[in-house]
Amino acid sequence: MSQPKVWFITGAGRGVGFEILKAVLETGDKVVATVRSHAQALADKLGNPEQLEVVVLDVTDDQQAVLAAKQAEKKFGKIDVLVNNAGYGLLSAVEEATAEEVRRNFETNVFGTLNVTRAILPYMRGRRSGHIINISSVGGLSGYMGWGVYGSTKFAIEGLTESLAMELAPLGIHVTVVAPGFFRTEFLDASSLTRSDNIIPDYEETVGKMRKFATQVNKRQPGDPVKLAKAFIQLANSENPPVHLPLGNDSLQRYREKTSNFEKDIEAWYEVITGTDHDDVSFKE
């Protein structure tokens, strides 16, 4: 029998992170689960299993991330799978979002992911093994009105993951970015979603409609988070995991619509696109 894996899951107190945590524990694997506060409350909620270690971590604090990684190594002796899940949404027109709102969103969603990844990678590199799973969003594959800032944080995660995958492949470390569609979690609740207080009337027909839609669709999203968690188990046990994994029919459809429209733009502007090289450059498609 193979040895149990050790997972490190950020933002594990609720939502997708909590569902992944439960699914992993059911497999018998070990988990270091991070929360921003009330670590014992999460452990108690799950019955205090021996294979669970709950750690308080604010991912925006790079030193806390280093200490959390050390604690995980001390407790279980290794980290096989890192799930960078901690993050939150910002619903706002791009112009409406204040500099501070934008900064906070990037601090958690992007810099937080970088902090935890940098803290754990030295251990994975030392063992020449591991799997980093970064959670993006359908909003990281294609833009949505009202989600420009949040989506841009997830676009950043997509790009970081692609580069990491190339850099770490020779070291035996896999990297995957998962782009879930709309799943029925607390993501659209007031406890998880930030809405800009600054509302500009000119955006009522676009972002205003999205605000109303977000309220109406809350807890009615098509995605099943339990099934999503099972997909993560399958992903972590794959010998050849993908770099990109959209989850949900809505995420897949949105991506295909984007690439189809992109191809149309290329066709319409082909001569302009291909006419910008120096005359002494020969390029074959």
C-alpha atoms as a PDB file:
ATOM      1  CA  MET A   1       0.000   0.000   0.000  1.00  0.00           C
ATOM      2  CA  SER A   2       1.181   3.509  -0.782  1.00  0.00           C
ATOM      3  CA  GLN A   3       1.998   5.859   2.032  1.00  0.00           C
ATOM      4  CA  PRO A   4      -0.644   8.479   2.921  1.00  0.00           C
ATOM      5  CA  LYS A   5      -0.086  11.830   1.303  1.00  0.00           C
ATOM      6  CA  VAL A   6       0.285  14.988   3.354  1.00  0.00           C
ATOM      7  CA  TRP A   7      -1.812  17.917   2.140  1.00  0.00           C
ATOM      8  CA  PHE A   8      -1.446  21.591   3.037  1.00  0.00           C
ATOM      9  CA  ILE A   9      -4.723  23.446   2.386  1.00  0.00           C
ATOM     10  CA  THR A  10      -5.137  27.178   2.918  1.00  0.00           C
ATOM     11  CA  GLY A  11      -8.497  28.764   3.673  1.00  0.00           C
ATOM     12  CA  ALA A  12      -9.839  25.419   4.877  1.00  0.00           C
ATOM     13  CA  GLY A  13     -12.425  26.715   7.327  1.00  0.00           C
ATOM     14  CA  ARG A  14     -15.320  26.935   4.891  1.00  0.00           C
ATOM     15  CA  GLY A  15     -16.404  26.765   1.281  1.00  0.00           C
ATOM     16  CA  VAL A  16     -14.339  24.845  -1.252  1.00  0.00           C
ATOM     17  CA  GLY A  17     -11.411  24.547   1.151  1.00  0.00           C
ATOM     18  CA  PHE A  18     -13.551  22.856   3.786  1.00  0.00           C
ATOM     19  CA  GLU A  19     -15.048  20.419   1.273  1.00  0.00           C
ATOM     20  CA  ILE A  20     -11.580  19.477   0.014  1.00  0.00           C
ATOM     21  CA  LEU A  21     -10.406  19.041   3.594  1.00  0.00           C
ATOM     22  CA  LYS A  22     -13.261  16.640   4.399  1.00  0.00           C
ATOM     23  CA  ALA A  23     -12.710  14.653   1.215  1.00  0.00           C
ATOM     24  CA  VAL A  24      -8.985  14.285   1.913  1.00  0.00           C
ATOM     25  CA  LEU A  25      -9.575  13.105   5.480  1.00  0.00           C
ATOM     26  CA  GLU A  26     -11.980  10.466   4.187  1.00  0.00           C
ATOM     27  CA  THR A  27      -9.179   8.986   2.054  1.00  0.00           C
ATOM     28  CA  GLY A  28      -6.948   8.540   5.084  1.00  0.00           C
ATOM     29  CA  ASP A  29      -4.428  11.117   3.923  1.00  0.00           C
ATOM     30  CA  LYS A  30      -3.027  13.640   6.382  1.00  0.00           C
ATOM     31  CA  VAL A  31      -3.837  17.329   6.267  1.00  0.00           C
ATOM     32  CA  VAL A  32      -2.441  20.584   7.548  1.00  0.00           C
ATOM     33  CA  ALA A  33      -5.424  22.929   7.284  1.00  0.00           C
ATOM     34  CA  THR A  34      -4.974  26.657   7.712  1.00  0.00           C
ATOM     35  CA  VAL A  35      -7.512  29.165   8.999  1.00  0.00           C
ATOM     36  CA  ARG A  36      -7.217  32.814   9.934  1.00  0.00           C
ATOM     37  CA  SER A  37      -8.558  32.178  13.461  1.00  0.00           C
ATOM     38  CA  HIS A  38     -10.305  29.636  15.710  1.00  0.00           C
ATOM     39  CA  ALA A  39      -8.125  26.675  14.801  1.00  0.00           C
ATOM     40  CA  GLN A  40      -9.495  24.462  17.565  1.00  0.00           C
ATOM     41  CA  ALA A  41     -13.055  25.120  16.457  1.00  0.00           C
ATOM     42  CA  LEU A  42     -12.329  23.587  13.047  1.00  0.00           C
ATOM     43  CA  ALA A  43     -10.576  20.597  14.601  1.00  0.00           C
ATOM     44  CA  ASP A  44     -13.514  20.053  16.961  1.00  0.00           C
ATOM     45  CA  LYS A  45     -15.984  20.314  14.088  1.00  0.00           C
ATOM     46  CA  LEU A  46     -14.225  17.437  12.355  1.00  0.00           C
ATOM     47  CA  GLY A  47     -13.873  15.294  15.465  1.00  0.00           C
ATOM     48  CA  ASN A  48     -10.176  15.990  16.076  1.00  0.00           C
ATOM     49  CA  PRO A  49      -8.813  13.213  13.838  1.00  0.00           C
ATOM     50  CA  GLU A  50      -5.179  12.263  14.339  1.00  0.00           C
ATOM     51  CA  GLN A  51      -4.302  12.946  10.723  1.00  0.00           C
ATOM     52  CA  LEU A  52      -5.393  16.596  10.978  1.00  0.00           C
ATOM     53  CA  GLU A  53      -3.317  19.556  12.102  1.00  0.00           C
ATOM     54  CA  VAL A  54      -5.035  22.952  12.069  1.00  0.00           C
ATOM     55  CA  VAL A  55      -2.779  25.998  11.876  1.00  0.00           C
ATOM     56  CA  VAL A  56      -3.606  29.682  12.151  1.00  0.00           C
ATOM     57  CA  LEU A  57      -2.297  31.478   9.083  1.00  0.00           C
ATOM     58  CA  ASP A  58      -2.917  34.841   7.486  1.00  0.00           C
ATOM     59  CA  VAL A  59      -1.535  34.184   4.016  1.00  0.00           C
ATOM     60  CA  THR A  60      -0.661  37.850   3.567  1.00  0.00           C
ATOM     61  CA  ASP A  61       1.990  37.435   6.288  1.00  0.00           C
ATOM     62  CA  ASP A  62       5.017  35.802   4.680  1.00  0.00           C
ATOM     63  CA  GLN A  63       6.668  35.006   8.012  1.00  0.00           C
ATOM     64  CA  GLN A  64       3.543  33.254   9.251  1.00  0.00           C
ATOM     65  CA  ALA A  65       3.619  31.197   6.068  1.00  0.00           C
ATOM     66  CA  VAL A  66       7.208  30.130   6.738  1.00  0.00           C
ATOM     67  CA  LEU A  67       6.326  29.107  10.297  1.00  0.00           C
ATOM     68  CA  ALA A  68       3.228  27.203   9.123  1.00  0.00           C
ATOM     69  CA  ALA A  69       5.311  25.252   6.614  1.00  0.00           C
ATOM     70  CA  LYS A  70       7.843  24.382   9.328  1.00  0.00           C
ATOM     71  CA  GLN A  71       5.024  23.259  11.612  1.00  0.00           C
ATOM     72  CA  ALA A  72       3.640  21.011   8.878  1.00  0.00           C
ATOM     73  CA  GLU A  73       7.034  19.434   8.273  1.00  0.00           C
ATOM     74  CA  LYS A  74       7.583  18.913  11.986  1.00  0.00           C
ATOM     75  CA  LYS A  75       4.157  17.331  12.446  1.00  0.00           C
ATOM     76  CA  PHE A  76       4.012  14.998   9.447  1.00  0.00           C
ATOM     77  CA  GLY A  77       7.543  14.981   8.041  1.00  0.00           C
ATOM     78  CA  LYS A  78       6.660  16.125   4.534  1.00  0.00           C
ATOM     79  CA  ILE A  79       4.220  18.067   2.331  1.00  0.00           C
ATOM     80  CA  ASP A  80       3.077  16.270  -0.812  1.00  0.00           C
ATOM     81  CA  VAL A  81       0.201  18.456  -1.999  1.00  0.00           C
ATOM     82  CA  LEU A  82      -0.231  22.201  -1.543  1.00  0.00           C
ATOM     83  CA  VAL A  83      -3.687  23.614  -2.258  1.00  0.00           C
ATOM     84  CA  ASN A  84      -3.598  27.413  -2.460  1.00  0.00           C
ATOM     85  CA  ASN A  85      -7.277  28.087  -1.828  1.00  0.00           C
ATOM     86  CA  ALA A  86      -7.393  31.142   0.456  1.00  0.00           C
ATOM     87  CA  GLY A  87      -8.958  34.133  -1.269  1.00  0.00           C
ATOM     88  CA  TYR A  88     -12.097  36.210  -1.599  1.00  0.00           C
ATOM     89  CA  GLY A  89     -14.171  37.972  -4.225  1.00  0.00           C
ATOM     90  CA  LEU A  90     -14.549  41.680  -4.946  1.00  0.00           C
ATOM     91  CA  LEU A  91     -17.685  42.741  -6.806  1.00  0.00           C
ATOM     92  CA  SER A  92     -17.159  46.171  -8.295  1.00  0.00           C
ATOM     93  CA  ALA A  93     -16.723  48.021 -11.551  1.00  0.00           C
ATOM     94  CA  VAL A  94     -13.039  48.515 -12.235  1.00  0.00           C
ATOM     95  CA  GLU A  95     -13.418  52.281 -11.840  1.00  0.00           C
ATOM     96  CA  GLU A  96     -15.502  51.959  -8.683  1.00  0.00           C
ATOM     97  CA  ALA A  97     -12.930  49.928  -6.743  1.00  0.00           C
ATOM     98  CA  THR A  98     -10.752  52.028  -4.460  1.00  0.00           C
ATOM     99  CA  ALA A  99      -6.985  51.642  -4.434  1.00  0.00           C
ATOM    100  CA  GLU A 100      -7.209  50.043  -0.999  1.00  0.00           C
ATOM    101  CA  GLU A 101      -9.870  47.542  -2.090  1.00  0.00           C
ATOM    102  CA  VAL A 102      -7.757  46.532  -5.075  1.00  0.00           C
ATOM    103  CA  ARG A 103      -4.617  46.279  -2.958  1.00  0.00           C
ATOM    104  CA  ARG A 104      -6.295  44.068  -0.332  1.00  0.00           C
ATOM    105  CA  ASN A 105      -7.690  41.735  -2.987  1.00  0.00           C
ATOM    106  CA  PHE A 106      -4.268  41.291  -4.572  1.00  0.00           C
ATOM    107  CA  GLU A 107      -2.578  40.923  -1.175  1.00  0.00           C
ATOM    108  CA  THR A 108      -4.707  37.883  -0.366  1.00  0.00           C
ATOM    109  CA  ASN A 109      -5.399  36.296  -3.729  1.00  0.00           C
ATOM    110  CA  VAL A 110      -2.013  36.807  -5.399  1.00  0.00           C
ATOM    111  CA  PHE A 111       0.647  37.714  -2.854  1.00  0.00           C
ATOM    112  CA  GLY A 112      -0.850  35.293  -0.333  1.00  0.00           C
ATOM    113  CA  THR A 113      -0.523  32.471  -2.847  1.00  0.00           C
ATOM    114  CA  LEU A 114       3.070  33.498  -3.528  1.00  0.00           C
ATOM    115  CA  ASN A 115       3.888  33.669   0.191  1.00  0.00           C
ATOM    116  CA  VAL A 116       2.676  30.139   0.886  1.00  0.00           C
ATOM    117  CA  THR A 117       4.215  28.722  -2.291  1.00  0.00           C
ATOM    118  CA  ARG A 118       7.618  30.214  -1.479  1.00  0.00           C
ATOM    119  CA  ALA A 119       7.400  28.851   2.066  1.00  0.00           C
ATOM    120  CA  ILE A 120       6.676  25.279   0.974  1.00  0.00           C
ATOM    121  CA  LEU A 121       8.692  24.939  -2.236  1.00  0.00           C
ATOM    122  CA  PRO A 122      12.090  24.495  -0.533  1.00  0.00           C
ATOM    123  CA  TYR A 123      10.795  21.299   1.094  1.00  0.00           C
ATOM    124  CA  MET A 124       9.338  19.989  -2.168  1.00  0.00           C
ATOM    125  CA  ARG A 125      12.515  20.841  -4.052  1.00  0.00           C
ATOM    126  CA  GLY A 126      14.553  19.023  -1.426  1.00  0.00           C
ATOM    127  CA  ARG A 127      12.540  15.852  -2.028  1.00  0.00           C
ATOM    128  CA  ARG A 128      12.209  16.388  -5.792  1.00  0.00           C
ATOM    129  CA  SER A 129       8.498  15.689  -5.514  1.00  0.00           C
ATOM    130  CA  GLY A 130       5.190  17.386  -4.800  1.00  0.00           C
ATOM    131  CA  HIS A 131       2.124  18.882  -6.407  1.00  0.00           C
ATOM    132  CA  ILE A 132       1.057  22.510  -6.136  1.00  0.00           C
ATOM    133  CA  ILE A 133      -2.616  23.138  -6.909  1.00  0.00           C
ATOM    134  CA  ASN A 134      -3.583  26.790  -7.276  1.00  0.00           C
ATOM    135  CA  ILE A 135      -7.259  27.673  -7.296  1.00  0.00           C
ATOM    136  CA  SER A 136      -8.193  30.233  -9.899  1.00  0.00           C
ATOM    137  CA  SER A 137     -11.725  30.822 -11.199  1.00  0.00           C
ATOM    138  CA  VAL A 138     -13.749  30.917 -14.379  1.00  0.00           C
ATOM    139  CA  GLY A 139     -13.137  34.649 -13.880  1.00  0.00           C
ATOM    140  CA  GLY A 140      -9.443  33.920 -14.393  1.00  0.00           C
ATOM    141  CA  LEU A 141     -10.175  32.434 -17.811  1.00  0.00           C
ATOM    142  CA  SER A 142     -12.499  35.136 -19.116  1.00  0.00           C
ATOM    143  CA  GLY A 143     -13.532  38.593 -17.978  1.00  0.00           C
ATOM    144  CA  TYR A 144     -16.927  39.361 -16.437  1.00  0.00           C
ATOM    145  CA  MET A 145     -18.431  42.778 -15.853  1.00  0.00           C
ATOM    146  CA  GLY A 146     -18.305  43.571 -12.172  1.00  0.00           C
ATOM    147  CA  TRP A 147     -15.484  41.133 -11.533  1.00  0.00           C
ATOM    148  CA  GLY A 148     -12.611  42.913 -13.269  1.00  0.00           C
ATOM    149  CA  VAL A 149     -10.367  43.352 -10.233  1.00  0.00           C
ATOM    150  CA  TYR A 150     -11.091  39.940  -8.742  1.00  0.00           C
ATOM    151  CA  GLY A 151     -10.701  38.338 -12.160  1.00  0.00           C
ATOM    152  CA  SER A 152      -7.368  40.049 -12.657  1.00  0.00           C
ATOM    153  CA  THR A 153      -6.063  38.402  -9.463  1.00  0.00           C
ATOM    154  CA  LYS A 154      -7.083  35.044 -10.889  1.00  0.00           C
ATOM    155  CA  PHE A 155      -5.587  35.836 -14.296  1.00  0.00           C
ATOM    156  CA  ALA A 156      -2.360  36.426 -12.355  1.00  0.00           C
ATOM    157  CA  ILE A 157      -2.660  33.000 -10.734  1.00  0.00           C
ATOM    158  CA  GLU A 158      -3.125  31.420 -14.163  1.00  0.00           C
ATOM    159  CA  GLY A 159       0.088  33.032 -15.428  1.00  0.00           C
ATOM    160  CA  LEU A 160       2.096  32.239 -12.317  1.00  0.00           C
ATOM    161  CA  THR A 161       1.017  28.614 -12.490  1.00  0.00           C
ATOM    162  CA  GLU A 162       2.034  28.206 -16.135  1.00  0.00           C
ATOM    163  CA  SER A 163       5.514  29.545 -15.386  1.00  0.00           C
ATOM    164  CA  LEU A 164       5.874  27.516 -12.199  1.00  0.00           C
ATOM    165  CA  ALA A 165       4.899  24.353 -14.064  1.00  0.00           C
ATOM    166  CA  MET A 166       7.739  24.900 -16.543  1.00  0.00           C
ATOM    167  CA  GLU A 167      10.262  25.817 -13.857  1.00  0.00           C
ATOM    168  CA  LEU A 168       9.442  22.913 -11.550  1.00  0.00           C
ATOM    169  CA  ALA A 169       8.875  20.086 -14.047  1.00  0.00           C
ATOM    170  CA  PRO A 170      12.623  19.204 -14.197  1.00  0.00           C
ATOM    171  CA  LEU A 171      12.566  18.941 -10.384  1.00  0.00           C
ATOM    172  CA  GLY A 172       9.755  16.383 -10.306  1.00  0.00           C
ATOM    173  CA  ILE A 173       7.144  18.824  -9.000  1.00  0.00           C
ATOM    174  CA  HIS A 174       3.748  19.146 -10.675  1.00  0.00           C
ATOM    175  CA  VAL A 175       1.769  22.394 -10.789  1.00  0.00           C
ATOM    176  CA  THR A 176      -1.918  22.716 -11.701  1.00  0.00           C
ATOM    177  CA  VAL A 177      -4.281  25.655 -11.792  1.00  0.00           C
ATOM    178  CA  VAL A 178      -7.933  24.764 -11.206  1.00  0.00           C
ATOM    179  CA  ALA A 179     -10.583  27.144 -12.556  1.00  0.00           C
ATOM    180  CA  PRO A 180     -13.935  26.343 -10.932  1.00  0.00           C
ATOM    181  CA  GLY A 181     -17.120  27.774 -12.358  1.00  0.00           C
ATOM    182  CA  PHE A 182     -19.953  28.861 -10.079  1.00  0.00           C
ATOM    183  CA  PHE A 183     -20.190  26.405  -7.181  1.00  0.00           C
ATOM    184  CA  ARG A 184     -22.764  26.420  -4.395  1.00  0.00           C
ATOM    185  CA  THR A 185     -20.588  27.676  -1.538  1.00  0.00           C
ATOM    186  CA  GLU A 186     -20.440  30.773   0.669  1.00  0.00           C
ATOM    187  CA  PHE A 187     -18.491  32.662  -2.010  1.00  0.00           C
ATOM    188  CA  LEU A 188     -21.369  35.092  -2.709  1.00  0.00           C
ATOM    189  CA  ASP A 189     -22.285  35.523   0.974  1.00  0.00           C
ATOM    190  CA  ALA A 190     -21.539  38.807   2.704  1.00  0.00           C
ATOM    191  CA  SER A 191     -19.031  36.921   4.876  1.00  0.00           C
ATOM    192  CA  SER A 192     -16.928  36.051   1.809  1.00  0.00           C
ATOM    193  CA  LEU A 193     -17.703  38.610  -0.875  1.00  0.00           C
ATOM    194  CA  THR A 194     -16.636  42.250  -0.707  1.00  0.00           C
ATOM    195  CA  ARG A 195     -18.762  44.768  -2.598  1.00  0.00           C
ATOM    196  CA  SER A 196     -17.390  48.218  -3.256  1.00  0.00           C
ATOM    197  CA  ASP A 197     -19.292  50.977  -1.426  1.00  0.00           C
ATOM    198  CA  ASN A 198     -18.551  53.320  -4.309  1.00  0.00           C
ATOM    199  CA  ILE A 199     -21.339  52.953  -6.875  1.00  0.00           C
ATOM    200  CA  ILE A 200     -21.260  54.956 -10.118  1.00  0.00           C
ATOM    201  CA  PRO A 201     -24.716  55.280 -11.753  1.00  0.00           C
ATOM    202  CA  ASP A 202     -23.272  55.018 -15.283  1.00  0.00           C
ATOM    203  CA  TYR A 203     -22.553  51.325 -14.611  1.00  0.00           C
ATOM    204  CA  GLU A 204     -26.089  50.449 -13.547  1.00  0.00           C
ATOM    205  CA  GLU A 205     -26.854  48.587 -16.791  1.00  0.00           C
ATOM    206  CA  THR A 206     -23.729  46.430 -16.498  1.00  0.00           C
ATOM    207  CA  VAL A 207     -22.278  46.096 -13.017  1.00  0.00           C
ATOM    208  CA  GLY A 208     -25.579  47.007 -11.384  1.00  0.00           C
ATOM    209  CA  LYS A 209     -27.225  44.033 -13.079  1.00  0.00           C
ATOM    210  CA  MET A 210     -24.359  41.800 -11.966  1.00  0.00           C
ATOM    211  CA  ARG A 211     -24.846  42.884  -8.352  1.00  0.00           C
ATOM    212  CA  LYS A 212     -28.508  41.883  -8.541  1.00  0.00           C
ATOM    213  CA  PHE A 213     -27.638  38.623 -10.286  1.00  0.00           C
ATOM    214  CA  ALA A 214     -25.058  37.724  -7.627  1.00  0.00           C
ATOM    215  CA  THR A 215     -27.686  38.162  -4.918  1.00  0.00           C
ATOM    216  CA  GLN A 216     -30.280  36.117  -6.784  1.00  0.00           C
ATOM    217  CA  VAL A 217     -27.983  33.226  -7.732  1.00  0.00           C
ATOM    218  CA  ASN A 218     -26.434  32.845  -4.259  1.00  0.00           C
ATOM    219  CA  LYS A 219     -26.887  29.225  -3.079  1.00  0.00           C
ATOM    220  CA  ARG A 220     -28.363  28.362  -6.486  1.00  0.00           C
ATOM    221  CA  GLN A 221     -25.100  27.968  -8.381  1.00  0.00           C
ATOM    222  CA  PRO A 222     -24.876  24.870 -10.612  1.00  0.00           C
ATOM    223  CA  GLY A 223     -21.626  23.432  -9.248  1.00  0.00           C
ATOM    224  CA  ASP A 224     -21.612  20.790  -6.501  1.00  0.00           C
ATOM    225  CA  PRO A 225     -18.695  21.462  -4.102  1.00  0.00           C
ATOM    226  CA  VAL A 226     -18.693  17.847  -2.886  1.00  0.00           C
ATOM    227  CA  LYS A 227     -18.083  16.635  -6.432  1.00  0.00           C
ATOM    228  CA  LEU A 228     -15.461  19.348  -6.887  1.00  0.00           C
ATOM    229  CA  ALA A 229     -13.622  18.045  -3.820  1.00  0.00           C
ATOM    230  CA  LYS A 230     -13.609  14.522  -5.263  1.00  0.00           C
ATOM    231  CA  ALA A 231     -12.081  15.928  -8.450  1.00  0.00           C
ATOM    232  CA  PHE A 232      -9.228  17.309  -6.341  1.00  0.00           C
ATOM    233  CA  ILE A 233      -8.569  13.859  -4.898  1.00  0.00           C
ATOM    234  CA  GLN A 234      -8.399  12.429  -8.411  1.00  0.00           C
ATOM    235  CA  LEU A 235      -6.122  15.276  -9.517  1.00  0.00           C
ATOM    236  CA  ALA A 236      -3.687  14.803  -6.635  1.00  0.00           C
ATOM    237  CA  ASN A 237      -3.442  11.062  -7.348  1.00  0.00           C
ATOM    238  CA  SER A 238      -2.815  11.479 -11.064  1.00  0.00           C
ATOM    239  CA  GLU A 239       0.627  10.482 -12.342  1.00  0.00           C
ATOM    240  CA  ASN A 240       0.341  13.008 -15.159  1.00  0.00           C
ATOM    241  CA  PRO A 241      -1.784  15.925 -13.904  1.00  0.00           C
ATOM    242  CA  PRO A 242      -2.729  18.759 -16.260  1.00  0.00           C
ATOM    243  CA  VAL A 243      -1.447  22.292 -15.934  1.00  0.00           C
ATOM    244  CA  HIS A 244      -4.979  23.642 -16.494  1.00  0.00           C
ATOM    245  CA  LEU A 245      -8.161  22.085 -15.125  1.00  0.00           C
ATOM    246  CA  PRO A 246     -11.456  23.970 -15.533  1.00  0.00           C
ATOM    247  CA  LEU A 247     -14.156  22.457 -13.338  1.00  0.00           C
ATOM    248  CA  GLY A 248     -17.831  22.760 -14.177  1.00  0.00           C
ATOM    249  CA  ASN A 249     -19.718  22.883 -17.433  1.00  0.00           C
ATOM    250  CA  ASP A 250     -20.088  26.646 -17.078  1.00  0.00           C
ATOM    251  CA  SER A 251     -16.335  27.132 -16.776  1.00  0.00           C
ATOM    252  CA  LEU A 252     -15.657  24.963 -19.810  1.00  0.00           C
ATOM    253  CA  GLN A 253     -18.329  26.721 -21.880  1.00  0.00           C
ATOM    254  CA  ARG A 254     -17.020  30.169 -20.966  1.00  0.00           C
ATOM    255  CA  TYR A 255     -13.483  29.211 -21.945  1.00  0.00           C
ATOM    256  CA  ARG A 256     -14.591  27.776 -25.281  1.00  0.00           C
ATOM    257  CA  GLU A 257     -16.607  30.907 -26.028  1.00  0.00           C
ATOM    258  CA  LYS A 258     -13.561  33.042 -25.301  1.00  0.00           C
ATOM    259  CA  THR A 259     -11.206  31.040 -27.515  1.00  0.00           C
ATOM    260  CA  SER A 260     -13.793  31.014 -30.328  1.00  0.00           C
ATOM    261  CA  ASN A 261     -14.131  34.807 -30.166  1.00  0.00           C
ATOM    262  CA  PHE A 262     -10.351  35.147 -29.957  1.00  0.00           C
ATOM    263  CA  GLU A 263      -9.968  33.114 -33.152  1.00  0.00           C
ATOM    264  CA  LYS A 264     -12.495  35.367 -34.888  1.00  0.00           C
ATOM    265  CA  ASP A 265     -10.489  38.434 -33.875  1.00  0.00           C
ATOM    266  CA  ILE A 266      -7.316  36.821 -35.200  1.00  0.00           C
ATOM    267  CA  GLU A 267      -8.966  36.026 -38.512  1.00  0.00           C
ATOM    268  CA  ALA A 268     -10.338  39.558 -38.887  1.00  0.00           C
ATOM    269  CA  TRP A 269      -7.016  41.175 -38.021  1.00  0.00           C
ATOM    270  CA  TYR A 270      -4.668  38.530 -39.441  1.00  0.00           C
ATOM    271  CA  GLU A 271      -2.829  40.823 -41.851  1.00  0.00           C
ATOM    272  CA  VAL A 272      -2.219  43.419 -39.155  1.00  0.00           C
ATOM    273  CA  ILE A 273      -1.127  40.809 -36.617  1.00  0.00           C
ATOM    274  CA  THR A 274       1.320  39.123 -38.973  1.00  0.00           C
ATOM    275  CA  GLY A 275       2.583  42.316 -40.566  1.00  0.00           C
ATOM    276  CA  THR A 276       4.507  43.769 -37.644  1.00  0.00           C
ATOM    277  CA  ASP A 277       7.794  41.811 -37.834  1.00  0.00           C
ATOM    278  CA  HIS A 278      11.003  43.163 -39.379  1.00  0.00           C
ATOM    279  CA  ASP A 279      11.278  42.427 -43.099  1.00  0.00           C
ATOM    280  CA  ASP A 280      14.349  40.210 -42.503  1.00  0.00           C
ATOM    281  CA  VAL A 281      12.401  37.900 -40.187  1.00  0.00           C
ATOM    282  CA  SER A 282      10.903  34.724 -41.590  1.00  0.00           C
ATOM    283  CA  PHE A 283       8.248  32.999 -39.503  1.00  0.00           C
ATOM    284  CA  LYS A 284       6.562  29.705 -40.286  1.00  0.00           C
ATOM    285  CA  GLU A 285       3.284  28.778 -38.637  1.00  0.00           C
END
